[in-house]
PDB file of N, CA and C in Angstrom:
ATOM      1  N   MET A   1      15.569 -18.921 -13.602  1.00  0.00           N
ATOM      2  CA  MET A   1      15.101 -18.017 -13.322  1.00  0.00           C
ATOM      3  C   MET A   1      13.351 -17.673 -13.373  1.00  0.00           C
ATOM      4  N   THR A   2      12.709 -17.046 -12.345  1.00  0.00           N
ATOM      5  CA  THR A   2      11.460 -16.623 -12.511  1.00  0.00           C
ATOM      6  C   THR A   2      11.460 -15.377 -12.275  1.00  0.00           C
ATOM      7  N   TYR A   3      10.167 -14.585 -12.461  1.00  0.00           N
ATOM      8  CA  TYR A   3       9.722 -13.550 -11.624  1.00  0.00           C
ATOM      9  C   TYR A   3       8.730 -13.547 -10.754  1.00  0.00           C
ATOM     10  N   VAL A   4       8.967 -12.908  -9.686  1.00  0.00           N
ATOM     11  CA  VAL A   4       7.773 -12.891  -8.616  1.00  0.00           C
ATOM     12  C   VAL A   4       6.972 -11.608  -8.224  1.00  0.00           C
ATOM     13  N   VAL A   5       5.898 -11.674  -7.558  1.00  0.00           N
ATOM     14  CA  VAL A   5       5.522 -10.561  -6.990  1.00  0.00           C
ATOM     15  C   VAL A   5       5.669 -10.371  -5.640  1.00  0.00           C
ATOM     16  N   THR A   6       6.226  -9.181  -5.195  1.00  0.00           N
ATOM     17  CA  THR A   6       6.560  -8.767  -3.818  1.00  0.00           C
ATOM     18  C   THR A   6       5.606  -8.273  -3.096  1.00  0.00           C
ATOM     19  N   ASP A   7       5.967  -7.679  -1.762  1.00  0.00           N
ATOM     20  CA  ASP A   7       4.866  -6.981  -1.105  1.00  0.00           C
ATOM     21  C   ASP A   7       4.643  -5.449  -1.458  1.00  0.00           C
ATOM     22  N   ASN A   8       5.293  -4.737  -2.490  1.00  0.00           N
ATOM     23  CA  ASN A   8       4.397  -3.698  -2.771  1.00  0.00           C
ATOM     24  C   ASN A   8       3.520  -3.897  -3.522  1.00  0.00           C
ATOM     25  N   CYS A   9       2.829  -4.893  -3.992  1.00  0.00           N
ATOM     26  CA  CYS A   9       1.524  -5.362  -4.662  1.00  0.00           C
ATOM     27  C   CYS A   9       0.542  -5.139  -3.824  1.00  0.00           C
ATOM     28  N   ILE A  10       0.915  -5.485  -2.501  1.00  0.00           N
ATOM     29  CA  ILE A  10      -0.262  -5.568  -1.624  1.00  0.00           C
ATOM     30  C   ILE A  10      -0.845  -4.148  -1.448  1.00  0.00           C
ATOM     31  N   ALA A  11      -2.300  -4.076  -1.403  1.00  0.00           N
ATOM     32  CA  ALA A  11      -3.023  -2.960  -1.415  1.00  0.00           C
ATOM     33  C   ALA A  11      -3.033  -1.779  -2.413  1.00  0.00           C
ATOM     34  N   CYS A  12      -2.363  -2.340  -3.471  1.00  0.00           N
ATOM     35  CA  CYS A  12      -2.146  -1.716  -4.653  1.00  0.00           C
ATOM     36  C   CYS A  12      -2.992  -2.480  -5.645  1.00  0.00           C
ATOM     37  N   LYS A  13      -2.353  -3.482  -6.157  1.00  0.00           N
ATOM     38  CA  LYS A  13      -2.761  -4.289  -7.139  1.00  0.00           C
ATOM     39  C   LYS A  13      -3.267  -3.732  -8.347  1.00  0.00           C
ATOM     40  N   TYR A  14      -2.188  -3.069  -8.985  1.00  0.00           N
ATOM     41  CA  TYR A  14      -1.964  -2.541  -9.978  1.00  0.00           C
ATOM     42  C   TYR A  14      -2.117  -3.905 -11.065  1.00  0.00           C
ATOM     43  N   THR A  15      -2.871  -4.218 -12.233  1.00  0.00           N
ATOM     44  CA  THR A  15      -2.850  -4.933 -13.207  1.00  0.00           C
ATOM     45  C   THR A  15      -2.402  -4.573 -14.450  1.00  0.00           C
ATOM     46  N   ASP A  16      -1.501  -3.855 -14.681  1.00  0.00           N
ATOM     47  CA  ASP A  16      -0.837  -3.394 -15.994  1.00  0.00           C
ATOM     48  C   ASP A  16      -0.166  -4.564 -16.447  1.00  0.00           C
ATOM     49  N   CYS A  17       0.336  -5.337 -15.514  1.00  0.00           N
ATOM     50  CA  CYS A  17       1.179  -6.605 -15.866  1.00  0.00           C
ATOM     51  C   CYS A  17       0.551  -7.621 -16.602  1.00  0.00           C
ATOM     52  N   VAL A  18      -0.679  -7.687 -16.111  1.00  0.00           N
ATOM     53  CA  VAL A  18      -1.309  -9.199 -16.912  1.00  0.00           C
ATOM     54  C   VAL A  18      -1.601  -9.030 -18.241  1.00  0.00           C
ATOM     55  N   GLU A  19      -1.905  -8.107 -18.796  1.00  0.00           N
ATOM     56  CA  GLU A  19      -2.111  -8.147 -20.167  1.00  0.00           C
ATOM     57  C   GLU A  19      -0.986  -8.234 -20.978  1.00  0.00           C
ATOM     58  N   VAL A  20       0.301  -8.142 -20.626  1.00  0.00           N
ATOM     59  CA  VAL A  20       1.671  -8.048 -21.417  1.00  0.00           C
ATOM     60  C   VAL A  20       1.966  -9.663 -21.176  1.00  0.00           C
ATOM     61  N   CYS A  21       1.363 -10.392 -20.492  1.00  0.00           N
ATOM     62  CA  CYS A  21       2.061 -11.880 -19.939  1.00  0.00           C
ATOM     63  C   CYS A  21       1.654 -12.604 -20.951  1.00  0.00           C
ATOM     64  N   PRO A  22       2.711 -13.186 -22.062  1.00  0.00           N
ATOM     65  CA  PRO A  22       2.447 -14.324 -23.221  1.00  0.00           C
ATOM     66  C   PRO A  22       1.735 -15.684 -22.716  1.00  0.00           C
ATOM     67  N   VAL A  23       1.986 -15.884 -21.095  1.00  0.00           N
ATOM     68  CA  VAL A  23       1.672 -17.195 -20.785  1.00  0.00           C
ATOM     69  C   VAL A  23       0.557 -17.263 -19.865  1.00  0.00           C
ATOM     70  N   ASP A  24      -0.075 -16.044 -19.103  1.00  0.00           N
ATOM     71  CA  ASP A  24      -1.090 -15.912 -18.387  1.00  0.00           C
ATOM     72  C   ASP A  24      -0.792 -16.626 -17.071  1.00  0.00           C
ATOM     73  N   CYS A  25       0.469 -16.558 -16.270  1.00  0.00           N
ATOM     74  CA  CYS A  25       1.145 -17.049 -15.192  1.00  0.00           C
ATOM     75  C   CYS A  25       0.598 -16.217 -14.137  1.00  0.00           C
ATOM     76  N   PHE A  26      -0.318 -15.160 -14.300  1.00  0.00           N
ATOM     77  CA  PHE A  26      -0.412 -14.023 -12.889  1.00  0.00           C
ATOM     78  C   PHE A  26      -1.932 -14.734 -12.540  1.00  0.00           C
ATOM     79  N   TYR A  27      -2.141 -14.834 -11.035  1.00  0.00           N
ATOM     80  CA  TYR A  27      -3.041 -15.056 -10.452  1.00  0.00           C
ATOM     81  C   TYR A  27      -3.566 -14.130  -9.276  1.00  0.00           C
ATOM     82  N   GLU A  28      -4.989 -13.917  -8.984  1.00  0.00           N
ATOM     83  CA  GLU A  28      -5.420 -12.736  -8.493  1.00  0.00           C
ATOM     84  C   GLU A  28      -6.069 -13.040  -7.128  1.00  0.00           C
ATOM     85  N   GLY A  29      -5.473 -12.599  -6.164  1.00  0.00           N
ATOM     86  CA  GLY A  29      -5.968 -12.237  -4.824  1.00  0.00           C
ATOM     87  C   GLY A  29      -6.700 -11.129  -4.473  1.00  0.00           C
ATOM     88  N   GLU A  30      -7.249 -11.175  -3.206  1.00  0.00           N
ATOM     89  CA  GLU A  30      -8.430  -9.928  -2.786  1.00  0.00           C
ATOM     90  C   GLU A  30      -7.441  -8.568  -3.052  1.00  0.00           C
ATOM     91  N   ASN A  31      -6.215  -8.732  -2.617  1.00  0.00           N
ATOM     92  CA  ASN A  31      -5.631  -7.509  -2.631  1.00  0.00           C
ATOM     93  C   ASN A  31      -4.050  -7.441  -3.388  1.00  0.00           C
ATOM     94  N   MET A  32      -3.752  -8.190  -4.223  1.00  0.00           N
ATOM     95  CA  MET A  32      -2.568  -8.463  -4.573  1.00  0.00           C
ATOM     96  C   MET A  32      -2.643  -9.628  -5.791  1.00  0.00           C
ATOM     97  N   LEU A  33      -1.662  -9.711  -6.689  1.00  0.00           N
ATOM     98  CA  LEU A  33      -1.314 -10.670  -7.570  1.00  0.00           C
ATOM     99  C   LEU A  33      -0.191 -11.236  -7.083  1.00  0.00           C
ATOM    100  N   VAL A  34      -0.092 -12.557  -8.074  1.00  0.00           N
ATOM    101  CA  VAL A  34       1.224 -13.222  -7.654  1.00  0.00           C
ATOM    102  C   VAL A  34       1.345 -13.942  -9.120  1.00  0.00           C
ATOM    103  N   ILE A  35       2.504 -14.470  -9.372  1.00  0.00           N
ATOM    104  CA  ILE A  35       2.958 -15.217 -10.523  1.00  0.00           C
ATOM    105  C   ILE A  35       3.552 -16.852 -10.104  1.00  0.00           C
ATOM    106  N   HIS A  36       2.742 -17.502 -10.685  1.00  0.00           N
ATOM    107  CA  HIS A  36       3.212 -18.866 -10.851  1.00  0.00           C
ATOM    108  C   HIS A  36       4.644 -19.069 -11.193  1.00  0.00           C
ATOM    109  N   PRO A  37       5.684 -19.540 -10.432  1.00  0.00           N
ATOM    110  CA  PRO A  37       6.835 -19.546 -10.946  1.00  0.00           C
ATOM    111  C   PRO A  37       6.929 -20.577 -11.750  1.00  0.00           C
ATOM    112  N   ASP A  38       6.534 -21.710 -11.713  1.00  0.00           N
ATOM    113  CA  ASP A  38       6.496 -22.662 -12.407  1.00  0.00           C
ATOM    114  C   ASP A  38       6.178 -22.713 -13.831  1.00  0.00           C
ATOM    115  N   GLU A  39       5.259 -21.656 -13.856  1.00  0.00           N
ATOM    116  CA  GLU A  39       4.506 -21.141 -15.399  1.00  0.00           C
ATOM    117  C   GLU A  39       5.372 -20.058 -16.074  1.00  0.00           C
ATOM    118  N   CYS A  40       5.963 -19.145 -15.175  1.00  0.00           N
ATOM    119  CA  CYS A  40       6.540 -17.896 -15.885  1.00  0.00           C
ATOM    120  C   CYS A  40       8.084 -18.533 -16.476  1.00  0.00           C
ATOM    121  N   ILE A  41       7.643 -17.832 -18.080  1.00  0.00           N
ATOM    122  CA  ILE A  41       8.993 -18.285 -18.832  1.00  0.00           C
ATOM    123  C   ILE A  41       9.827 -17.178 -18.820  1.00  0.00           C
ATOM    124  N   ASP A  42       9.768 -16.288 -17.547  1.00  0.00           N
ATOM    125  CA  ASP A  42      11.329 -15.609 -17.570  1.00  0.00           C
ATOM    126  C   ASP A  42      11.398 -14.530 -18.669  1.00  0.00           C
ATOM    127  N   CYS A  43      10.323 -14.254 -19.082  1.00  0.00           N
ATOM    128  CA  CYS A  43      10.323 -13.211 -20.589  1.00  0.00           C
ATOM    129  C   CYS A  43      11.064 -11.868 -19.925  1.00  0.00           C
ATOM    130  N   GLY A  44      10.180 -11.465 -18.744  1.00  0.00           N
ATOM    131  CA  GLY A  44      10.534  -9.990 -18.351  1.00  0.00           C
ATOM    132  C   GLY A  44       9.541  -9.204 -18.606  1.00  0.00           C
ATOM    133  N   VAL A  45       8.490  -9.308 -19.605  1.00  0.00           N
ATOM    134  CA  VAL A  45       7.930  -8.181 -20.142  1.00  0.00           C
ATOM    135  C   VAL A  45       7.071  -7.544 -19.213  1.00  0.00           C
ATOM    136  N   CYS A  46       6.338  -8.301 -18.007  1.00  0.00           N
ATOM    137  CA  CYS A  46       5.786  -7.758 -16.871  1.00  0.00           C
ATOM    138  C   CYS A  46       6.432  -6.632 -16.018  1.00  0.00           C
ATOM    139  N   GLU A  47       7.672  -6.934 -15.879  1.00  0.00           N
ATOM    140  CA  GLU A  47       8.474  -6.154 -14.660  1.00  0.00           C
ATOM    141  C   GLU A  47       8.293  -4.548 -14.968  1.00  0.00           C
ATOM    142  N   PRO A  48       8.396  -3.961 -16.091  1.00  0.00           N
ATOM    143  CA  PRO A  48       8.514  -2.432 -16.537  1.00  0.00           C
ATOM    144  C   PRO A  48       7.022  -1.977 -16.563  1.00  0.00           C
ATOM    145  N   GLU A  49       6.351  -3.038 -16.450  1.00  0.00           N
ATOM    146  CA  GLU A  49       4.765  -2.376 -16.621  1.00  0.00           C
ATOM    147  C   GLU A  49       4.141  -2.279 -15.262  1.00  0.00           C
ATOM    148  N   CYS A  50       4.665  -2.730 -14.160  1.00  0.00           N
ATOM    149  CA  CYS A  50       4.499  -2.433 -12.853  1.00  0.00           C
ATOM    150  C   CYS A  50       4.632  -0.862 -12.269  1.00  0.00           C
ATOM    151  N   PRO A  51       3.575  -0.258 -12.198  1.00  0.00           N
ATOM    152  CA  PRO A  51       3.845   1.045 -11.699  1.00  0.00           C
ATOM    153  C   PRO A  51       4.352   0.903 -10.135  1.00  0.00           C
ATOM    154  N   ALA A  52       4.061  -0.131  -9.465  1.00  0.00           N
ATOM    155  CA  ALA A  52       4.479  -0.084  -7.790  1.00  0.00           C
ATOM    156  C   ALA A  52       6.170  -0.618  -7.732  1.00  0.00           C
ATOM    157  N   ASP A  53       6.487  -1.183  -8.776  1.00  0.00           N
ATOM    158  CA  ASP A  53       7.756  -2.108  -8.898  1.00  0.00           C
ATOM    159  C   ASP A  53       7.745  -3.111  -7.883  1.00  0.00           C
ATOM    160  N   ALA A  54       6.812  -3.689  -8.195  1.00  0.00           N
ATOM    161  CA  ALA A  54       6.601  -4.854  -7.246  1.00  0.00           C
ATOM    162  C   ALA A  54       7.270  -6.238  -8.046  1.00  0.00           C
ATOM    163  N   ILE A  55       7.156  -6.376  -9.154  1.00  0.00           N
ATOM    164  CA  ILE A  55       7.594  -7.660  -9.476  1.00  0.00           C
ATOM    165  C   ILE A  55       9.406  -7.759  -9.856  1.00  0.00           C
ATOM    166  N   ARG A  56       9.798  -8.487  -9.358  1.00  0.00           N
ATOM    167  CA  ARG A  56      11.006  -8.630  -9.408  1.00  0.00           C
ATOM    168  C   ARG A  56      11.670 -10.193  -9.609  1.00  0.00           C
ATOM    169  N   PRO A  57      13.100 -10.213 -10.392  1.00  0.00           N
ATOM    170  CA  PRO A  57      13.275 -11.503 -10.638  1.00  0.00           C
ATOM    171  C   PRO A  57      14.008 -12.267  -9.485  1.00  0.00           C
ATOM    172  N   ASP A  58      13.668 -13.448  -9.559  1.00  0.00           N
ATOM    173  CA  ASP A  58      14.243 -14.486  -8.318  1.00  0.00           C
ATOM    174  C   ASP A  58      15.868 -14.455  -8.051  1.00  0.00           C
ATOM    175  N   THR A  59      16.533 -13.667  -8.920  1.00  0.00           N
ATOM    176  CA  THR A  59      17.945 -13.808  -9.102  1.00  0.00           C
ATOM    177  C   THR A  59      18.401 -12.826  -7.972  1.00  0.00           C
ATOM    178  N   GLU A  60      17.217 -11.744  -7.555  1.00  0.00           N
ATOM    179  CA  GLU A  60      17.380 -10.720  -6.380  1.00  0.00           C
ATOM    180  C   GLU A  60      17.851 -11.604  -5.002  1.00  0.00           C
ATOM    181  N   PRO A  61      18.634 -10.809  -4.081  1.00  0.00           N
ATOM    182  CA  PRO A  61      18.813 -11.503  -3.059  1.00  0.00           C
ATOM    183  C   PRO A  61      17.695 -11.277  -2.224  1.00  0.00           C
ATOM    184  N   ASN A  62      17.662 -12.438  -1.292  1.00  0.00           N
ATOM    185  CA  ASN A  62      16.246 -12.782  -0.172  1.00  0.00           C
ATOM    186  C   ASN A  62      14.781 -12.787  -0.836  1.00  0.00           C
ATOM    187  N   LEU A  63      14.881 -13.278  -2.084  1.00  0.00           N
ATOM    188  CA  LEU A  63      13.468 -13.603  -2.629  1.00  0.00           C
ATOM    189  C   LEU A  63      13.099 -14.753  -2.373  1.00  0.00           C
ATOM    190  N   ASP A  64      13.628 -16.011  -1.898  1.00  0.00           N
ATOM    191  CA  ASP A  64      13.349 -17.212  -1.772  1.00  0.00           C
ATOM    192  C   ASP A  64      11.874 -17.266  -1.261  1.00  0.00           C
ATOM    193  N   ASP A  65      11.600 -16.631  -0.096  1.00  0.00           N
ATOM    194  CA  ASP A  65      10.426 -16.637   0.600  1.00  0.00           C
ATOM    195  C   ASP A  65       9.095 -16.199  -0.582  1.00  0.00           C
ATOM    196  N   TRP A  66       9.704 -15.283  -1.303  1.00  0.00           N
ATOM    197  CA  TRP A  66       8.514 -14.603  -2.283  1.00  0.00           C
ATOM    198  C   TRP A  66       8.267 -15.736  -3.263  1.00  0.00           C
ATOM    199  N   VAL A  67       9.421 -16.592  -3.562  1.00  0.00           N
ATOM    200  CA  VAL A  67       8.976 -17.721  -4.735  1.00  0.00           C
ATOM    201  C   VAL A  67       7.886 -18.633  -4.196  1.00  0.00           C
ATOM    202  N   ALA A  68       8.266 -18.860  -3.183  1.00  0.00           N
ATOM    203  CA  ALA A  68       7.159 -19.862  -2.063  1.00  0.00           C
ATOM    204  C   ALA A  68       6.187 -19.314  -2.051  1.00  0.00           C
ATOM    205  N   PHE A  69       6.121 -17.875  -1.686  1.00  0.00           N
ATOM    206  CA  PHE A  69       4.786 -17.276  -1.520  1.00  0.00           C
ATOM    207  C   PHE A  69       3.955 -17.307  -2.862  1.00  0.00           C
ATOM    208  N   ASN A  70       4.633 -16.890  -3.916  1.00  0.00           N
ATOM    209  CA  ASN A  70       3.846 -16.828  -5.151  1.00  0.00           C
ATOM    210  C   ASN A  70       3.368 -18.219  -5.544  1.00  0.00           C
ATOM    211  N   ARG A  71       4.223 -19.174  -5.550  1.00  0.00           N
ATOM    212  CA  ARG A  71       3.782 -20.502  -5.675  1.00  0.00           C
ATOM    213  C   ARG A  71       2.583 -20.929  -4.719  1.00  0.00           C
ATOM    214  N   LYS A  72       2.286 -20.613  -3.471  1.00  0.00           N
ATOM    215  CA  LYS A  72       1.340 -20.933  -2.700  1.00  0.00           C
ATOM    216  C   LYS A  72       0.131 -20.291  -2.971  1.00  0.00           C
ATOM    217  N   TYR A  73      -0.086 -19.348  -3.438  1.00  0.00           N
ATOM    218  CA  TYR A  73      -1.170 -18.425  -3.793  1.00  0.00           C
ATOM    219  C   TYR A  73      -1.585 -18.626  -5.094  1.00  0.00           C
ATOM    220  N   ALA A  74      -0.693 -18.928  -6.001  1.00  0.00           N
ATOM    221  CA  ALA A  74      -0.956 -19.046  -7.393  1.00  0.00           C
ATOM    222  C   ALA A  74      -1.741 -20.477  -7.478  1.00  0.00           C
ATOM    223  N   GLU A  75      -1.647 -21.304  -6.718  1.00  0.00           N
ATOM    224  CA  GLU A  75      -2.259 -22.590  -6.680  1.00  0.00           C
ATOM    225  C   GLU A  75      -3.486 -22.717  -6.137  1.00  0.00           C
ATOM    226  N   MET A  76      -3.730 -21.104  -5.207  1.00  0.00           N
ATOM    227  CA  MET A  76      -5.223 -21.235  -4.588  1.00  0.00           C
ATOM    228  C   MET A  76      -6.184 -20.198  -5.449  1.00  0.00           C
ATOM    229  N   TRP A  77      -5.577 -19.337  -6.008  1.00  0.00           N
ATOM    230  CA  TRP A  77      -6.366 -18.201  -6.720  1.00  0.00           C
ATOM    231  C   TRP A  77      -6.514 -18.366  -8.187  1.00  0.00           C
ATOM    232  N   PRO A  78      -7.549 -17.651  -8.718  1.00  0.00           N
ATOM    233  CA  PRO A  78      -7.990 -17.573  -9.979  1.00  0.00           C
ATOM    234  C   PRO A  78      -7.081 -16.997 -10.894  1.00  0.00           C
ATOM    235  N   VAL A  79      -6.778 -17.391 -12.091  1.00  0.00           N
ATOM    236  CA  VAL A  79      -5.926 -16.719 -13.213  1.00  0.00           C
ATOM    237  C   VAL A  79      -6.484 -15.327 -13.495  1.00  0.00           C
ATOM    238  N   ILE A  80      -5.494 -14.338 -13.697  1.00  0.00           N
ATOM    239  CA  ILE A  80      -6.243 -13.139 -14.059  1.00  0.00           C
ATOM    240  C   ILE A  80      -5.249 -12.810 -15.364  1.00  0.00           C
ATOM    241  N   THR A  81      -5.939 -12.205 -16.767  1.00  0.00           N
ATOM    242  CA  THR A  81      -5.648 -12.047 -17.736  1.00  0.00           C
ATOM    243  C   THR A  81      -6.190 -10.479 -18.209  1.00  0.00           C
ATOM    244  N   THR A  82      -6.939  -9.891 -17.673  1.00  0.00           N
ATOM    245  CA  THR A  82      -7.570  -8.689 -17.966  1.00  0.00           C
ATOM    246  C   THR A  82      -7.525  -7.584 -16.779  1.00  0.00           C
ATOM    247  N   LYS A  83      -6.890  -6.648 -17.452  1.00  0.00           N
ATOM    248  CA  LYS A  83      -6.451  -5.089 -16.642  1.00  0.00           C
ATOM    249  C   LYS A  83      -7.524  -4.784 -15.974  1.00  0.00           C
ATOM    250  N   LYS A  84      -7.551  -4.542 -14.531  1.00  0.00           N
ATOM    251  CA  LYS A  84      -8.773  -4.223 -13.734  1.00  0.00           C
ATOM    252  C   LYS A  84      -8.362  -2.459 -13.514  1.00  0.00           C
ATOM    253  N   ASP A  85      -9.147  -2.143 -12.529  1.00  0.00           N
ATOM    254  CA  ASP A  85      -8.809  -0.849 -12.055  1.00  0.00           C
ATOM    255  C   ASP A  85      -7.943  -1.331 -10.901  1.00  0.00           C
ATOM    256  N   LYS A  86      -6.998  -0.645 -10.428  1.00  0.00           N
ATOM    257  CA  LYS A  86      -6.407  -0.545  -9.254  1.00  0.00           C
ATOM    258  C   LYS A  86      -7.069  -0.300  -7.998  1.00  0.00           C
ATOM    259  N   LEU A  87      -6.736  -0.974  -6.959  1.00  0.00           N
ATOM    260  CA  LEU A  87      -7.289  -0.772  -5.591  1.00  0.00           C
ATOM    261  C   LEU A  87      -7.505   0.877  -5.013  1.00  0.00           C
ATOM    262  N   PRO A  88      -8.636   1.263  -4.722  1.00  0.00           N
ATOM    263  CA  PRO A  88      -8.669   2.497  -4.444  1.00  0.00           C
ATOM    264  C   PRO A  88      -7.416   3.042  -3.505  1.00  0.00           C
ATOM    265  N   GLU A  89      -7.022   2.491  -2.498  1.00  0.00           N
ATOM    266  CA  GLU A  89      -5.998   3.159  -1.726  1.00  0.00           C
ATOM    267  C   GLU A  89      -4.528   2.823  -2.457  1.00  0.00           C
ATOM    268  N   ALA A  90      -4.557   2.310  -3.789  1.00  0.00           N
ATOM    269  CA  ALA A  90      -3.190   2.212  -4.109  1.00  0.00           C
ATOM    270  C   ALA A  90      -1.995   3.278  -4.273  1.00  0.00           C
ATOM    271  N   GLU A  91      -2.420   4.443  -4.638  1.00  0.00           N
ATOM    272  CA  GLU A  91      -1.419   5.580  -4.719  1.00  0.00           C
ATOM    273  C   GLU A  91      -1.005   5.920  -3.129  1.00  0.00           C
ATOM    274  N   GLU A  92      -1.823   5.648  -1.954  1.00  0.00           N
ATOM    275  CA  GLU A  92      -1.325   6.133  -0.986  1.00  0.00           C
ATOM    276  C   GLU A  92      -0.558   4.880  -0.470  1.00  0.00           C
ATOM    277  N   ARG A  93      -0.477   3.836  -0.566  1.00  0.00           N
ATOM    278  CA  ARG A  93      -0.040   2.643  -0.134  1.00  0.00           C
ATOM    279  C   ARG A  93       1.117   2.229  -0.713  1.00  0.00           C
ATOM    280  N   ASP A  94       1.181   2.831  -1.894  1.00  0.00           N
ATOM    281  CA  ASP A  94       2.631   2.577  -2.809  1.00  0.00           C
ATOM    282  C   ASP A  94       3.643   2.824  -2.286  1.00  0.00           C
ATOM    283  N   GLY A  95       4.709   1.719  -2.070  1.00  0.00           N
ATOM    284  CA  GLY A  95       6.155   2.179  -1.154  1.00  0.00           C
ATOM    285  C   GLY A  95       6.053   2.018   0.237  1.00  0.00           C
ATOM    286  N   GLU A  96       5.167   1.756   0.769  1.00  0.00           N
ATOM    287  CA  GLU A  96       4.625   1.650   2.104  1.00  0.00           C
ATOM    288  C   GLU A  96       5.333   0.380   2.509  1.00  0.00           C
ATOM    289  N   THR A  97       6.306   0.265   3.376  1.00  0.00           N
ATOM    290  CA  THR A  97       6.880  -0.740   4.035  1.00  0.00           C
ATOM    291  C   THR A  97       5.881  -1.791   5.002  1.00  0.00           C
ATOM    292  N   GLY A  98       6.220  -3.039   5.187  1.00  0.00           N
ATOM    293  CA  GLY A  98       5.509  -3.903   6.170  1.00  0.00           C
ATOM    294  C   GLY A  98       4.201  -4.525   6.016  1.00  0.00           C
ATOM    295  N   LYS A  99       3.827  -4.208   4.214  1.00  0.00           N
ATOM    296  CA  LYS A  99       2.617  -4.549   3.753  1.00  0.00           C
ATOM    297  C   LYS A  99       1.914  -5.966   4.050  1.00  0.00           C
ATOM    298  N   ARG A 100       2.848  -6.843   4.023  1.00  0.00           N
ATOM    299  CA  ARG A 100       2.527  -8.070   4.235  1.00  0.00           C
ATOM    300  C   ARG A 100       1.903  -8.169   5.359  1.00  0.00           C
ATOM    301  N   GLU A 101       2.292  -7.824   6.494  1.00  0.00           N
ATOM    302  CA  GLU A 101       2.149  -8.160   7.793  1.00  0.00           C
ATOM    303  C   GLU A 101       0.639  -7.153   8.071  1.00  0.00           C
ATOM    304  N   LYS A 102       0.669  -6.100   7.388  1.00  0.00           N
ATOM    305  CA  LYS A 102      -0.466  -5.007   7.728  1.00  0.00           C
ATOM    306  C   LYS A 102      -2.026  -5.272   7.024  1.00  0.00           C
ATOM    307  N   TYR A 103      -1.617  -5.708   5.677  1.00  0.00           N
ATOM    308  CA  TYR A 103      -2.778  -5.493   4.781  1.00  0.00           C
ATOM    309  C   TYR A 103      -2.787  -6.914   3.795  1.00  0.00           C
ATOM    310  N   PHE A 104      -2.327  -7.944   3.817  1.00  0.00           N
ATOM    311  CA  PHE A 104      -2.366  -8.948   3.252  1.00  0.00           C
ATOM    312  C   PHE A 104      -3.506  -9.823   3.364  1.00  0.00           C
ATOM    313  N   SER A 105      -4.561 -10.142   2.400  1.00  0.00           N
ATOM    314  CA  SER A 105      -5.498 -11.211   2.737  1.00  0.00           C
ATOM    315  C   SER A 105      -5.378 -11.909   1.932  1.00  0.00           C
ATOM    316  N   GLU A 106      -5.317 -13.523   2.460  1.00  0.00           N
ATOM    317  CA  GLU A 106      -5.377 -14.513   1.650  1.00  0.00           C
ATOM    318  C   GLU A 106      -6.580 -15.013   0.747  1.00  0.00           C
ATOM    319  N   ALA A 107      -7.831 -14.309   0.841  1.00  0.00           N
ATOM    320  CA  ALA A 107      -8.895 -14.308   0.042  1.00  0.00           C
ATOM    321  C   ALA A 107      -8.490 -14.483  -1.457  1.00  0.00           C
ATOM    322  N   ALA A 108      -9.305 -15.138  -2.080  1.00  0.00           N
ATOM    323  CA  ALA A 108      -9.243 -14.878  -3.521  1.00  0.00           C
ATOM    324  C   ALA A 108      -9.715 -14.001  -4.410  1.00  0.00           C
ATOM    325  N   GLY A 109      -9.243 -13.287  -5.193  1.00  0.00           N
ATOM    326  CA  GLY A 109     -10.024 -12.249  -6.249  1.00  0.00           C
ATOM    327  C   GLY A 109     -11.007 -13.155  -6.979  1.00  0.00           C
ATOM    328  N   GLU A 110     -11.307 -12.018  -8.116  1.00  0.00           N
ATOM    329  CA  GLU A 110     -12.394 -12.851  -9.007  1.00  0.00           C
ATOM    330  C   GLU A 110     -11.800 -13.426 -10.301  1.00  0.00           C
ATOM    331  N   GLY A 111     -10.663 -13.177 -10.507  1.00  0.00           N
ATOM    332  CA  GLY A 111      -9.966 -13.638 -11.839  1.00  0.00           C
ATOM    333  C   GLY A 111     -10.429 -13.038 -12.669  1.00  0.00           C
ATOM    334  N   GLY A 112     -10.261 -13.215 -14.115  1.00  0.00           N
ATOM    335  CA  GLY A 112     -10.793 -12.706 -15.213  1.00  0.00           C
ATOM    336  C   GLY A 112      -9.637 -12.271 -16.391  1.00  0.00           C
TER     337      GLY A 112
END
């Protein structure tokens, strides 16, 4: 099992999760985070820290695409280990559907 970041992180990018991760497996894009599924140790400490409820175990149905998505971008983006401010539109976008199609950016974040 591994944990993955899903679409509710897009356009929110809360980073509460990165500081509790014992293996630093979060990677930062311009407007979301991902977890490298091969680095995640399945401890689950990040899941309850996410205000947007965007972190899910891969044992939930229909998450195969998100596992591949997280792997792809974790290999392209820089690691993030320090909490940063959420995106300005986070509260407005939290819970919105279709965020991957509407807002996702492939651009890397700054990491750190």
